Amino acid sequence: MRLFIVLPVLLLLMSCEAPEEPFKEVDILAEFVGHWERLNVFDGEIDQLIILEKEGGDVSIQLWGNCLPDKCEWGSRLFKAYELEAGPLEMLWLGEGLKIKQTLTLLSSGKMEIIFEEDHEDDRLDTVKSFLFSRNNRIKLFDRIERKEALRAKLSREKIPATPNQENLLLPNSILLYQTTAGRYGKLQIRGNSSILTLRWKSWNEDGSIFREADYMETMPNAYFEMNQGKEEELDADCRLDFLLEESESGARFLNPQCGASFVLYHLGN
């Protein structure tokens, strides 16, 4: 009799087990990309991390320190996207009589940890420190970019591929830095890229303040634009233009810098 009581109970318990959760694919780039700030702002050589997605599967990690009264770039390194999944990222810096190794790990809590190891060749004490960083989601990456980023960037007059659904670096949320033909620096972010290209942009004065900006701008294929005023212009002999949204009969599209303007892809969107 006891056998017939126990068996149904076991079957009932087995049927009550929670079903397995479906596998969820993690977008590792989305977990890393952004602006990270150190939790303890009073202690540490590194104050901020800026992690950007670049073309060709590269990821840029910029480290910023505090060089009062302003921030200064400590250094930057490029990694491949697959290296983010492989585990901790190691960055090695060599100085005179000093070797610094930084090991960067994304924790399960969502925080970023950097283990900071200093190895001195002389009698000074070697040190190991740990710093935690939290991603600042309140301020978007585009708004964080300052004029000095454009000054350091390797701007180019080469065409930038922008063909929808094909070779395309101007995906939604992609960010470009530029210098206009007139010499003014600015930044733009792609809002959409379909039959037309839409974007937002800001240009700076020499002191870093905003010269002009627009939250929405439409650019039509095979039209010329200048980015001091942010508007479409006709091609003229003075050549005051900044780019042509070039599109061939086959549909191939490029952002083509004009006259003396130059651009660079700062962050690849998705």
Protein backbone atom coordinates (compact mmCIF):
# COMPACT_ATOMS: atom_id res chain seq x y z
CA MET A 1 0.00 0.00 0.00
CA ARG A 2 2.85 2.37 0.85
CA LEU A 3 4.33 1.92 -2.64
CA PHE A 4 1.17 3.16 -4.34
CA ILE A 5 1.09 6.27 -2.10
CA VAL A 6 4.73 7.29 -2.57
CA LEU A 7 4.88 6.87 -6.35
CA PRO A 8 2.09 9.37 -7.20
CA VAL A 9 3.65 11.87 -4.80
CA LEU A 10 7.00 11.59 -6.56
CA LEU A 11 5.35 12.01 -9.95
CA LEU A 12 3.51 15.07 -8.66
CA LEU A 13 6.75 16.66 -7.36
CA MET A 14 8.52 15.98 -10.65
CA SER A 15 5.70 17.60 -12.61
CA CYS A 16 5.95 20.74 -10.41
CA GLU A 17 9.59 21.42 -11.30
CA ALA A 18 10.09 24.84 -12.88
CA PRO A 19 10.64 24.67 -16.65
CA GLU A 20 14.06 25.57 -17.93
CA GLU A 21 14.40 29.20 -18.95
CA PRO A 22 15.12 29.70 -22.65
CA PHE A 23 18.69 30.62 -23.51
CA LYS A 24 19.15 34.37 -23.79
CA GLU A 25 21.89 35.61 -26.09
CA VAL A 26 23.85 38.43 -24.47
CA ASP A 27 24.96 41.39 -26.57
CA ILE A 28 28.44 41.71 -25.11
CA LEU A 29 29.10 45.03 -26.85
CA ALA A 30 25.98 46.55 -25.32
CA GLU A 31 27.24 45.43 -21.90
CA PHE A 32 30.55 47.27 -22.31
CA VAL A 33 29.95 50.32 -24.51
CA GLY A 34 29.34 53.59 -22.69
CA HIS A 35 30.74 56.07 -20.20
CA TRP A 36 31.93 54.59 -16.88
CA GLU A 37 32.72 56.60 -13.74
CA ARG A 38 34.72 55.47 -10.72
CA LEU A 39 32.55 54.90 -7.65
CA ASN A 40 35.08 56.29 -5.19
CA VAL A 41 35.89 59.67 -6.72
CA PHE A 42 38.51 60.52 -4.10
CA ASP A 43 40.91 57.64 -4.59
CA GLY A 44 42.51 56.45 -7.79
CA GLU A 45 44.57 57.25 -10.85
CA ILE A 46 41.71 56.53 -13.29
CA ASP A 47 38.48 58.54 -12.99
CA GLN A 48 36.57 57.51 -16.10
CA LEU A 49 36.40 54.91 -18.84
CA ILE A 50 34.94 55.60 -22.29
CA ILE A 51 34.27 52.41 -24.25
CA LEU A 52 33.40 52.79 -27.94
CA GLU A 53 32.57 50.41 -30.76
CA LYS A 54 34.70 50.96 -33.86
CA GLU A 55 34.51 49.61 -37.39
CA GLY A 56 35.96 46.21 -38.20
CA GLY A 57 34.90 44.64 -34.90
CA ASP A 58 37.24 46.79 -32.80
CA VAL A 59 36.42 48.18 -29.36
CA SER A 60 38.26 51.23 -28.02
CA ILE A 61 38.82 51.65 -24.27
CA GLN A 62 39.90 55.14 -23.22
CA LEU A 63 41.08 55.82 -19.68
CA TRP A 64 40.83 59.29 -18.18
CA GLY A 65 42.58 60.67 -15.12
CA ASN A 66 42.22 63.89 -13.18
CA CYS A 67 44.77 66.52 -14.20
CA LEU A 68 43.30 69.41 -12.24
CA PRO A 69 41.46 71.52 -13.12
CA ASP A 70 40.48 69.31 -16.08
CA LYS A 71 40.36 65.67 -17.13
CA CYS A 72 43.21 64.26 -19.21
CA GLU A 73 43.47 61.11 -21.27
CA TRP A 74 45.54 58.49 -19.47
CA GLY A 75 45.73 56.25 -22.52
CA SER A 76 43.66 54.03 -24.80
CA ARG A 77 43.75 50.50 -26.17
CA LEU A 78 41.96 48.64 -28.97
CA PHE A 79 40.47 45.17 -28.50
CA LYS A 80 38.47 42.84 -30.72
CA ALA A 81 34.85 42.26 -29.76
CA TYR A 82 35.47 38.53 -29.20
CA GLU A 83 38.10 39.40 -26.56
CA LEU A 84 35.36 40.91 -24.39
CA GLU A 85 33.72 37.50 -24.12
CA ALA A 86 37.00 35.64 -23.52
CA GLY A 87 37.46 37.12 -20.05
CA PRO A 88 39.42 39.89 -18.33
CA LEU A 89 41.15 42.43 -20.58
CA GLU A 90 44.78 43.25 -19.81
CA MET A 91 46.47 46.56 -20.60
CA LEU A 92 50.22 47.01 -20.12
CA TRP A 93 51.93 50.40 -19.77
CA LEU A 94 55.72 50.84 -19.62
CA GLY A 95 57.42 53.86 -18.08
CA GLU A 96 60.92 54.68 -16.93
CA GLY A 97 61.64 52.08 -14.27
CA LEU A 98 57.95 51.26 -13.96
CA LYS A 99 55.58 48.67 -15.41
CA ILE A 100 51.83 49.05 -14.90
CA LYS A 101 49.34 46.28 -15.65
CA GLN A 102 45.62 47.01 -15.59
CA THR A 103 43.16 44.12 -15.65
CA LEU A 104 39.62 45.08 -16.58
CA THR A 105 36.70 42.79 -15.69
CA LEU A 106 32.94 43.20 -16.15
CA LEU A 107 31.39 41.83 -12.95
CA SER A 108 28.10 39.98 -12.70
CA SER A 109 26.74 42.95 -10.74
CA GLY A 110 27.12 45.13 -13.85
CA LYS A 111 30.03 47.07 -12.36
CA MET A 112 33.45 47.31 -14.02
CA GLU A 113 36.55 46.47 -11.98
CA ILE A 114 40.12 47.49 -12.75
CA ILE A 115 42.99 45.80 -10.90
CA PHE A 116 45.87 48.31 -11.00
CA GLU A 117 49.34 46.72 -10.49
CA GLU A 118 52.53 48.81 -10.28
CA ASP A 119 55.86 47.00 -10.63
CA HIS A 120 58.89 49.21 -9.82
CA GLU A 121 62.43 48.31 -10.89
CA ASP A 122 63.95 50.18 -7.93
CA ASP A 123 63.34 49.75 -4.20
CA ARG A 124 59.95 51.44 -4.18
CA LEU A 125 57.09 49.30 -2.93
CA ASP A 126 55.08 47.51 -5.62
CA THR A 127 51.35 48.14 -5.23
CA VAL A 128 48.09 46.47 -6.21
CA LYS A 129 44.84 48.45 -6.12
CA SER A 130 41.26 47.70 -7.10
CA PHE A 131 38.82 50.30 -8.49
CA LEU A 132 35.12 49.90 -9.28
CA PHE A 133 33.28 51.78 -12.03
CA SER A 134 29.59 52.24 -12.75
CA ARG A 135 28.14 53.07 -16.16
CA ASN A 136 26.48 56.46 -16.33
CA ASN A 137 23.26 55.91 -18.29
CA ARG A 138 21.78 59.32 -17.52
CA ILE A 139 24.03 61.21 -19.92
CA LYS A 140 24.29 59.80 -23.43
CA LEU A 141 27.63 59.20 -25.10
CA PHE A 142 27.01 61.85 -27.76
CA ASP A 143 26.53 64.54 -25.11
CA ARG A 144 29.75 63.52 -23.36
CA ILE A 145 31.99 64.22 -26.35
CA GLU A 146 33.93 67.49 -26.07
CA ARG A 147 35.84 69.55 -28.63
CA LYS A 148 39.21 68.19 -27.49
CA GLU A 149 38.14 64.74 -28.73
CA ALA A 150 37.80 66.13 -32.25
CA LEU A 151 41.18 67.86 -31.97
CA ARG A 152 42.86 64.53 -31.19
CA ALA A 153 40.96 62.48 -33.76
CA LYS A 154 42.55 61.34 -37.02
CA LEU A 155 40.21 63.11 -39.40
CA SER A 156 40.15 62.06 -43.04
CA ARG A 157 38.81 63.21 -46.40
CA GLU A 158 38.01 59.67 -47.49
CA LYS A 159 34.45 58.66 -48.32
CA ILE A 160 32.48 56.91 -45.58
CA PRO A 161 30.28 53.98 -46.75
CA ALA A 162 26.59 54.62 -46.00
CA THR A 163 24.54 52.24 -48.17
CA PRO A 164 21.48 50.97 -46.23
CA ASN A 165 21.39 47.17 -45.79
CA GLN A 166 24.83 46.83 -47.39
CA GLU A 167 28.25 48.26 -46.56
CA ASN A 168 27.19 50.90 -44.08
CA LEU A 169 29.11 52.65 -41.30
CA LEU A 170 26.37 55.25 -40.81
CA LEU A 171 24.06 53.07 -38.76
CA PRO A 172 21.59 54.62 -36.31
CA ASN A 173 23.49 56.03 -33.30
CA SER A 174 26.83 56.11 -35.14
CA ILE A 175 28.84 59.21 -34.15
CA LEU A 176 31.16 61.17 -36.43
CA LEU A 177 33.60 63.95 -35.55
CA TYR A 178 34.46 66.52 -38.17
CA GLN A 179 36.22 69.73 -39.09
CA THR A 180 34.44 71.98 -41.54
CA THR A 181 36.01 73.67 -44.54
CA ALA A 182 35.92 76.86 -42.46
CA GLY A 183 37.99 75.14 -39.75
CA ARG A 184 35.28 74.65 -37.12
CA TYR A 185 35.08 71.35 -35.21
CA GLY A 186 31.86 69.49 -34.53
CA LYS A 187 30.14 66.18 -33.93
CA LEU A 188 27.10 64.51 -35.46
CA GLN A 189 25.05 61.43 -34.67
CA ILE A 190 23.03 59.40 -37.16
CA ARG A 191 19.33 59.17 -36.33
CA GLY A 192 18.24 57.12 -39.34
CA ASN A 193 19.56 55.96 -42.69
CA SER A 194 16.95 54.80 -45.20
CA SER A 195 15.64 56.75 -48.20
CA ILE A 196 17.21 59.82 -46.57
CA LEU A 197 19.88 60.28 -43.92
CA THR A 198 18.78 62.03 -40.72
CA LEU A 199 21.11 63.25 -37.99
CA ARG A 200 21.67 65.64 -35.11
CA TRP A 201 24.76 67.80 -34.80
CA LYS A 202 26.68 70.30 -32.67
CA SER A 203 29.63 72.54 -33.55
CA TRP A 204 31.99 74.23 -31.11
CA ASN A 205 33.63 77.59 -30.59
CA GLU A 206 37.37 77.53 -29.90
CA ASP A 207 36.73 77.69 -26.14
CA GLY A 208 34.63 74.51 -26.31
CA SER A 209 31.25 76.21 -25.97
CA ILE A 210 28.49 75.37 -28.44
CA PHE A 211 28.48 77.49 -31.60
CA ARG A 212 25.39 76.01 -33.23
CA GLU A 213 23.37 72.81 -32.92
CA ALA A 214 20.29 71.08 -34.28
CA ASP A 215 18.49 68.04 -32.89
CA TYR A 216 17.14 66.96 -36.27
CA MET A 217 18.45 67.47 -39.80
CA GLU A 218 17.46 65.75 -43.04
CA THR A 219 20.04 65.13 -45.76
CA MET A 220 18.85 64.08 -49.20
CA PRO A 221 20.88 61.91 -51.60
CA ASN A 222 23.16 63.79 -54.00
CA ALA A 223 22.78 67.06 -52.12
CA TYR A 224 25.59 69.19 -50.69
CA PHE A 225 25.69 70.38 -47.08
CA GLU A 226 27.71 72.74 -44.94
CA MET A 227 27.95 72.17 -41.20
CA ASN A 228 28.60 75.69 -39.88
CA GLN A 229 24.91 76.46 -40.34
CA GLY A 230 23.77 72.86 -40.81
CA LYS A 231 21.92 73.28 -44.09
CA GLU A 232 21.85 72.26 -47.73
CA GLU A 233 23.85 74.44 -50.12
CA GLU A 234 24.54 74.65 -53.86
CA LEU A 235 27.99 73.82 -55.18
CA ASP A 236 29.77 77.09 -55.94
CA ALA A 237 33.19 78.38 -56.94
CA ASP A 238 34.05 79.41 -53.36
CA CYS A 239 33.71 75.80 -52.19
CA ARG A 240 32.38 76.45 -48.71
CA LEU A 241 30.77 73.01 -48.52
CA ASP A 242 31.50 70.19 -46.10
CA PHE A 243 29.98 66.99 -47.50
CA LEU A 244 28.01 65.46 -50.33
CA LEU A 245 25.62 62.59 -49.61
CA GLU A 246 26.66 60.81 -52.78
CA GLU A 247 24.39 58.10 -54.19
CA SER A 248 24.91 56.23 -57.47
CA GLU A 249 22.24 54.77 -59.77
CA SER A 250 22.94 51.34 -58.24
CA GLY A 251 22.03 52.71 -54.81
CA ALA A 252 25.58 52.79 -53.36
CA ARG A 253 25.75 55.69 -50.92
CA PHE A 254 28.70 57.52 -49.33
CA LEU A 255 29.26 60.52 -47.13
CA ASN A 256 31.81 62.30 -49.30
CA PRO A 257 33.79 65.14 -47.61
CA GLN A 258 34.01 68.24 -49.76
CA CYS A 259 36.47 71.11 -50.19
CA GLY A 260 38.62 71.25 -47.04
CA ALA A 261 36.31 69.33 -44.67
CA SER A 262 37.32 66.06 -42.98
CA PHE A 263 35.46 63.43 -40.95
CA VAL A 264 36.09 60.34 -38.85
CA LEU A 265 33.84 57.60 -37.50
CA TYR A 266 34.12 57.95 -33.71
CA HIS A 267 31.58 55.32 -32.62
CA LEU A 268 29.81 52.67 -34.70
CA GLY A 269 26.09 52.43 -33.96
CA ASN A 270 23.76 49.47 -34.40
